[in-house]
Amino acid sequence: MKRLVIFDLDGTLLDTIGDLANATNHALQAMGFKTHPLGVYPMLVGNGITKLIERALPEEDRSEATIEAMHRHFTEYYGEHCTDTTHPYPGIEQLLAELTAEGINVAVASNKYQEATSKLVATFFPDVPWVAVEGHREGMPTKPDPSIVFEILSGHPTPKAEVLYVGDSGVDMDTAFRACVESCGVTWGFRSREELERHHADHIVSDTSAIMRIASGTTGIY
């Protein structure tokens, strides 16, 4: 049995793409740039807000000053609207309840900035006894750098063999690999099964019950 399951947030626990797209488009429009359709955004997210903004801008306009101004517009809007369309994926709330009932600790490791990460987790999962809710903070490298996993483990020491890292992208699978913990890729998020395979996920699952089986040590087809 795993003693700790670390979850990515966007595309894993929560479907946040609509609110991320709306906030980015708001910032683009405020700065006089062309906006993007919703379908573009799943390939823009995953490496933090700064990288999202950089990718959304025209290549010739990715100056530090422009990115900083976009960041201000984004965070002002997102702070007010980050829960407008966001919702947990089907089965997530039951999964978290089952994991904690089995005595398995749960944590969040997100590239989203800390304030928004904390707000979303508190809003949608207020009764979950998280051992850590870690978002991106200034001075901390973003995933796939494994520092965020090491920070969680420093606060809640757990043998790496008893840790499962769950995410929806190659960034997450690389984070788990660099942290030397077992990885589980989910197919309901923002990226494809093929991406998870390319990044050598230890498990790839299409439903939340499979995560429970992996965490509890039950074998089966996922």
Protein backbone atom coordinates (compact mmCIF):
# COMPACT_ATOMS: atom_id res chain seq x y z
CA MET A 1 0.00 0.00 0.00
CA LYS A 2 1.11 3.54 -0.72
CA ARG A 3 1.41 5.86 2.27
CA LEU A 4 1.23 9.05 0.19
CA VAL A 5 -0.44 9.96 -3.11
CA ILE A 6 0.63 13.30 -4.58
CA PHE A 7 -1.76 14.82 -7.11
CA ASP A 8 -1.24 17.39 -9.79
CA LEU A 9 -4.15 19.87 -9.74
CA ASP A 10 -5.08 21.19 -13.21
CA GLY A 11 -6.17 18.41 -15.52
CA THR A 12 -5.91 15.80 -12.75
CA LEU A 13 -8.15 16.77 -9.84
CA LEU A 14 -9.90 19.74 -11.44
CA ASP A 15 -10.99 20.66 -14.95
CA THR A 16 -9.74 24.25 -14.91
CA ILE A 17 -9.19 24.82 -18.60
CA GLY A 18 -12.16 27.13 -19.17
CA ASP A 19 -11.20 29.55 -16.43
CA LEU A 20 -7.53 29.47 -17.42
CA ALA A 21 -8.48 30.23 -21.03
CA ASN A 22 -10.84 33.04 -20.03
CA ALA A 23 -8.23 34.67 -17.79
CA THR A 24 -5.55 34.45 -20.46
CA ASN A 25 -7.86 35.80 -23.14
CA HIS A 26 -8.84 38.63 -20.80
CA ALA A 27 -5.18 39.54 -20.39
CA LEU A 28 -4.51 39.28 -24.13
CA GLN A 29 -7.47 41.50 -24.92
CA ALA A 30 -6.44 44.03 -22.28
CA MET A 31 -3.03 44.25 -23.91
CA GLY A 32 -4.41 44.54 -27.43
CA PHE A 33 -3.50 41.03 -28.60
CA LYS A 34 -5.60 38.47 -30.43
CA THR A 35 -7.32 35.90 -28.20
CA HIS A 36 -7.30 32.11 -28.67
CA PRO A 37 -10.13 29.56 -28.88
CA LEU A 38 -10.62 27.25 -25.91
CA GLY A 39 -9.33 24.24 -27.84
CA VAL A 40 -5.85 25.74 -28.05
CA TYR A 41 -5.33 25.99 -24.30
CA PRO A 42 -4.77 22.35 -23.27
CA MET A 43 -1.42 22.48 -25.08
CA LEU A 44 -0.47 25.85 -23.55
CA VAL A 45 -0.89 24.92 -19.89
CA GLY A 46 1.17 22.68 -17.61
CA ASN A 47 4.30 24.66 -16.83
CA GLY A 48 2.91 27.49 -14.69
CA ILE A 49 1.18 30.79 -15.41
CA THR A 50 4.25 32.61 -16.71
CA LYS A 51 4.87 29.93 -19.31
CA LEU A 52 1.17 29.90 -20.23
CA ILE A 53 1.27 33.64 -20.85
CA GLU A 54 4.49 33.37 -22.83
CA ARG A 55 3.02 30.67 -25.06
CA ALA A 56 -0.21 32.64 -25.59
CA LEU A 57 1.64 35.74 -26.77
CA PRO A 58 2.92 36.20 -30.33
CA GLU A 59 6.55 35.13 -30.39
CA GLU A 60 7.76 38.62 -31.28
CA ASP A 61 5.96 40.12 -28.27
CA ARG A 62 7.34 37.90 -25.51
CA SER A 63 9.36 40.60 -23.77
CA GLU A 64 9.82 40.56 -20.02
CA ALA A 65 7.79 43.78 -19.65
CA THR A 66 4.89 42.45 -21.72
CA ILE A 67 4.82 39.14 -19.84
CA GLU A 68 4.82 40.99 -16.50
CA ALA A 69 1.92 43.22 -17.60
CA MET A 70 0.01 40.20 -18.89
CA HIS A 71 0.65 38.43 -15.60
CA ARG A 72 -0.95 41.29 -13.67
CA HIS A 73 -4.05 41.29 -15.87
CA PHE A 74 -4.27 37.51 -15.63
CA THR A 75 -3.99 37.24 -11.84
CA GLU A 76 -6.43 40.10 -11.21
CA TYR A 77 -9.04 38.40 -13.37
CA TYR A 78 -8.30 34.82 -12.33
CA GLY A 79 -8.44 35.68 -8.66
CA GLU A 80 -12.08 36.68 -9.13
CA HIS A 81 -13.10 34.08 -11.71
CA CYS A 82 -11.05 30.94 -11.05
CA THR A 83 -14.14 28.99 -9.95
CA ASP A 84 -16.57 30.15 -12.65
CA THR A 85 -16.45 26.97 -14.75
CA THR A 86 -13.90 24.86 -12.86
CA HIS A 87 -15.11 21.56 -11.37
CA PRO A 88 -13.72 18.26 -10.11
CA TYR A 89 -13.45 15.43 -12.60
CA PRO A 90 -15.98 12.60 -12.13
CA GLY A 91 -15.00 10.25 -9.32
CA ILE A 92 -12.32 12.48 -7.81
CA GLU A 93 -14.21 13.35 -4.62
CA GLN A 94 -15.02 9.67 -3.99
CA LEU A 95 -11.40 8.70 -4.70
CA LEU A 96 -10.04 11.19 -2.18
CA ALA A 97 -12.54 10.00 0.42
CA GLU A 98 -11.58 6.36 -0.16
CA LEU A 99 -7.84 7.05 -0.02
CA THR A 100 -8.05 8.94 3.26
CA ALA A 101 -10.42 6.35 4.73
CA GLU A 102 -7.72 3.75 4.05
CA GLY A 103 -5.17 5.88 5.90
CA ILE A 104 -3.36 6.95 2.73
CA ASN A 105 -2.11 10.52 2.90
CA VAL A 106 -2.86 12.88 0.01
CA ALA A 107 -1.11 16.03 -1.18
CA VAL A 108 -1.23 18.50 -4.07
CA ALA A 109 1.79 19.58 -6.13
CA SER A 110 0.87 22.22 -8.72
CA ASN A 111 2.64 24.62 -11.04
CA LYS A 112 -0.22 27.06 -10.48
CA TYR A 113 0.75 29.94 -8.22
CA GLN A 114 0.22 29.27 -4.53
CA GLU A 115 -2.66 31.68 -3.87
CA ALA A 116 -4.84 30.20 -6.61
CA THR A 117 -3.83 26.63 -5.75
CA SER A 118 -4.85 27.11 -2.13
CA LYS A 119 -8.13 28.80 -3.08
CA LEU A 120 -9.17 26.09 -5.51
CA VAL A 121 -8.32 23.23 -3.17
CA ALA A 122 -10.14 24.91 -0.26
CA THR A 123 -13.18 25.63 -2.45
CA PHE A 124 -13.63 22.23 -4.04
CA PHE A 125 -12.13 19.86 -1.44
CA PRO A 126 -12.73 21.56 1.93
CA ASP A 127 -13.14 18.33 3.90
CA VAL A 128 -10.07 16.50 2.60
CA PRO A 129 -7.27 16.26 5.22
CA TRP A 130 -4.43 17.21 2.89
CA VAL A 131 -0.95 16.77 4.34
CA ALA A 132 0.33 19.44 1.92
CA VAL A 133 -1.06 21.78 -0.72
CA GLU A 134 1.90 23.13 -2.65
CA GLY A 135 1.69 25.57 -5.55
CA HIS A 136 4.36 27.60 -7.28
CA ARG A 137 6.05 30.30 -5.23
CA GLU A 138 8.60 32.88 -6.25
CA GLY A 139 12.09 31.45 -6.20
CA MET A 140 10.91 27.85 -6.53
CA PRO A 141 11.51 26.05 -9.84
CA THR A 142 8.46 24.71 -11.62
CA LYS A 143 7.82 21.09 -12.46
CA PRO A 144 9.33 18.95 -13.94
CA ASP A 145 11.97 20.04 -11.44
CA PRO A 146 11.25 17.69 -8.51
CA SER A 147 11.78 20.29 -5.76
CA ILE A 148 8.05 20.51 -5.02
CA VAL A 149 7.92 16.76 -4.36
CA PHE A 150 10.97 16.95 -2.13
CA GLU A 151 9.36 19.82 -0.20
CA ILE A 152 6.26 17.71 0.42
CA LEU A 153 8.40 14.78 1.55
CA SER A 154 10.47 16.96 3.84
CA GLY A 155 7.32 18.06 5.64
CA HIS A 156 5.76 14.60 5.63
CA PRO A 157 8.58 12.04 5.42
CA THR A 158 7.55 8.99 3.42
CA PRO A 159 9.75 6.32 1.84
CA LYS A 160 9.85 6.95 -1.89
CA ALA A 161 8.78 3.38 -2.56
CA GLU A 162 5.51 4.24 -0.79
CA VAL A 163 4.75 7.36 -2.83
CA LEU A 164 2.55 7.56 -5.94
CA TYR A 165 2.55 10.70 -8.08
CA VAL A 166 -0.58 11.25 -10.20
CA GLY A 167 -0.80 13.71 -13.11
CA ASP A 168 -2.09 14.21 -16.63
CA SER A 169 0.97 15.34 -18.57
CA GLY A 170 4.51 14.55 -19.57
CA VAL A 171 5.61 17.27 -17.17
CA ASP A 172 4.10 15.28 -14.32
CA MET A 173 5.61 11.98 -15.43
CA ASP A 174 9.03 13.65 -15.70
CA THR A 175 8.57 15.17 -12.24
CA ALA A 176 7.89 11.74 -10.76
CA PHE A 177 10.86 10.23 -12.60
CA ARG A 178 13.23 12.94 -11.37
CA ALA A 179 11.92 12.54 -7.83
CA CYS A 180 12.39 8.76 -8.08
CA VAL A 181 8.77 7.97 -7.20
CA GLU A 182 6.16 5.86 -9.00
CA SER A 183 4.07 7.70 -11.58
CA CYS A 184 0.46 7.35 -12.68
CA GLY A 185 -0.81 9.21 -15.74
CA VAL A 186 -4.53 9.96 -16.12
CA THR A 187 -6.20 10.17 -19.53
CA TRP A 188 -9.10 12.47 -18.61
CA GLY A 189 -6.93 15.61 -18.36
CA PHE A 190 -5.43 18.07 -20.81
CA ARG A 191 -2.88 15.85 -22.54
CA SER A 192 -2.96 12.60 -24.49
CA ARG A 193 -2.25 8.99 -23.62
CA GLU A 194 0.53 9.12 -26.22
CA GLU A 195 2.26 11.90 -24.30
CA LEU A 196 2.07 9.90 -21.09
CA GLU A 197 3.53 6.88 -22.89
CA ARG A 198 6.36 8.96 -24.36
CA HIS A 199 7.27 10.12 -20.88
CA HIS A 200 7.30 6.56 -19.52
CA ALA A 201 4.42 6.66 -17.05
CA ASP A 202 4.55 3.64 -14.74
CA HIS A 203 0.75 3.39 -14.95
CA ILE A 204 -1.80 4.98 -17.28
CA VAL A 205 -5.42 4.97 -16.09
CA SER A 206 -8.73 6.09 -17.49
CA ASP A 207 -10.83 5.99 -14.32
CA THR A 208 -10.32 6.97 -10.72
CA SER A 209 -11.00 3.50 -9.31
CA ALA A 210 -7.75 2.33 -10.93
CA ILE A 211 -5.80 4.86 -8.84
CA MET A 212 -7.34 3.39 -5.71
CA ARG A 213 -6.29 -0.09 -6.79
CA ILE A 214 -2.73 1.03 -7.45
CA ALA A 215 -2.47 2.94 -4.17
CA SER A 216 -3.89 0.04 -2.16
CA GLY A 217 -1.59 -2.46 -3.86
CA THR A 218 -4.38 -4.36 -5.63
CA THR A 219 -3.34 -5.71 -9.00
CA GLY A 220 -5.56 -5.48 -12.04
CA ILE A 221 -5.97 -4.10 -15.53
CA TYR A 222 -6.01 -0.33 -15.64
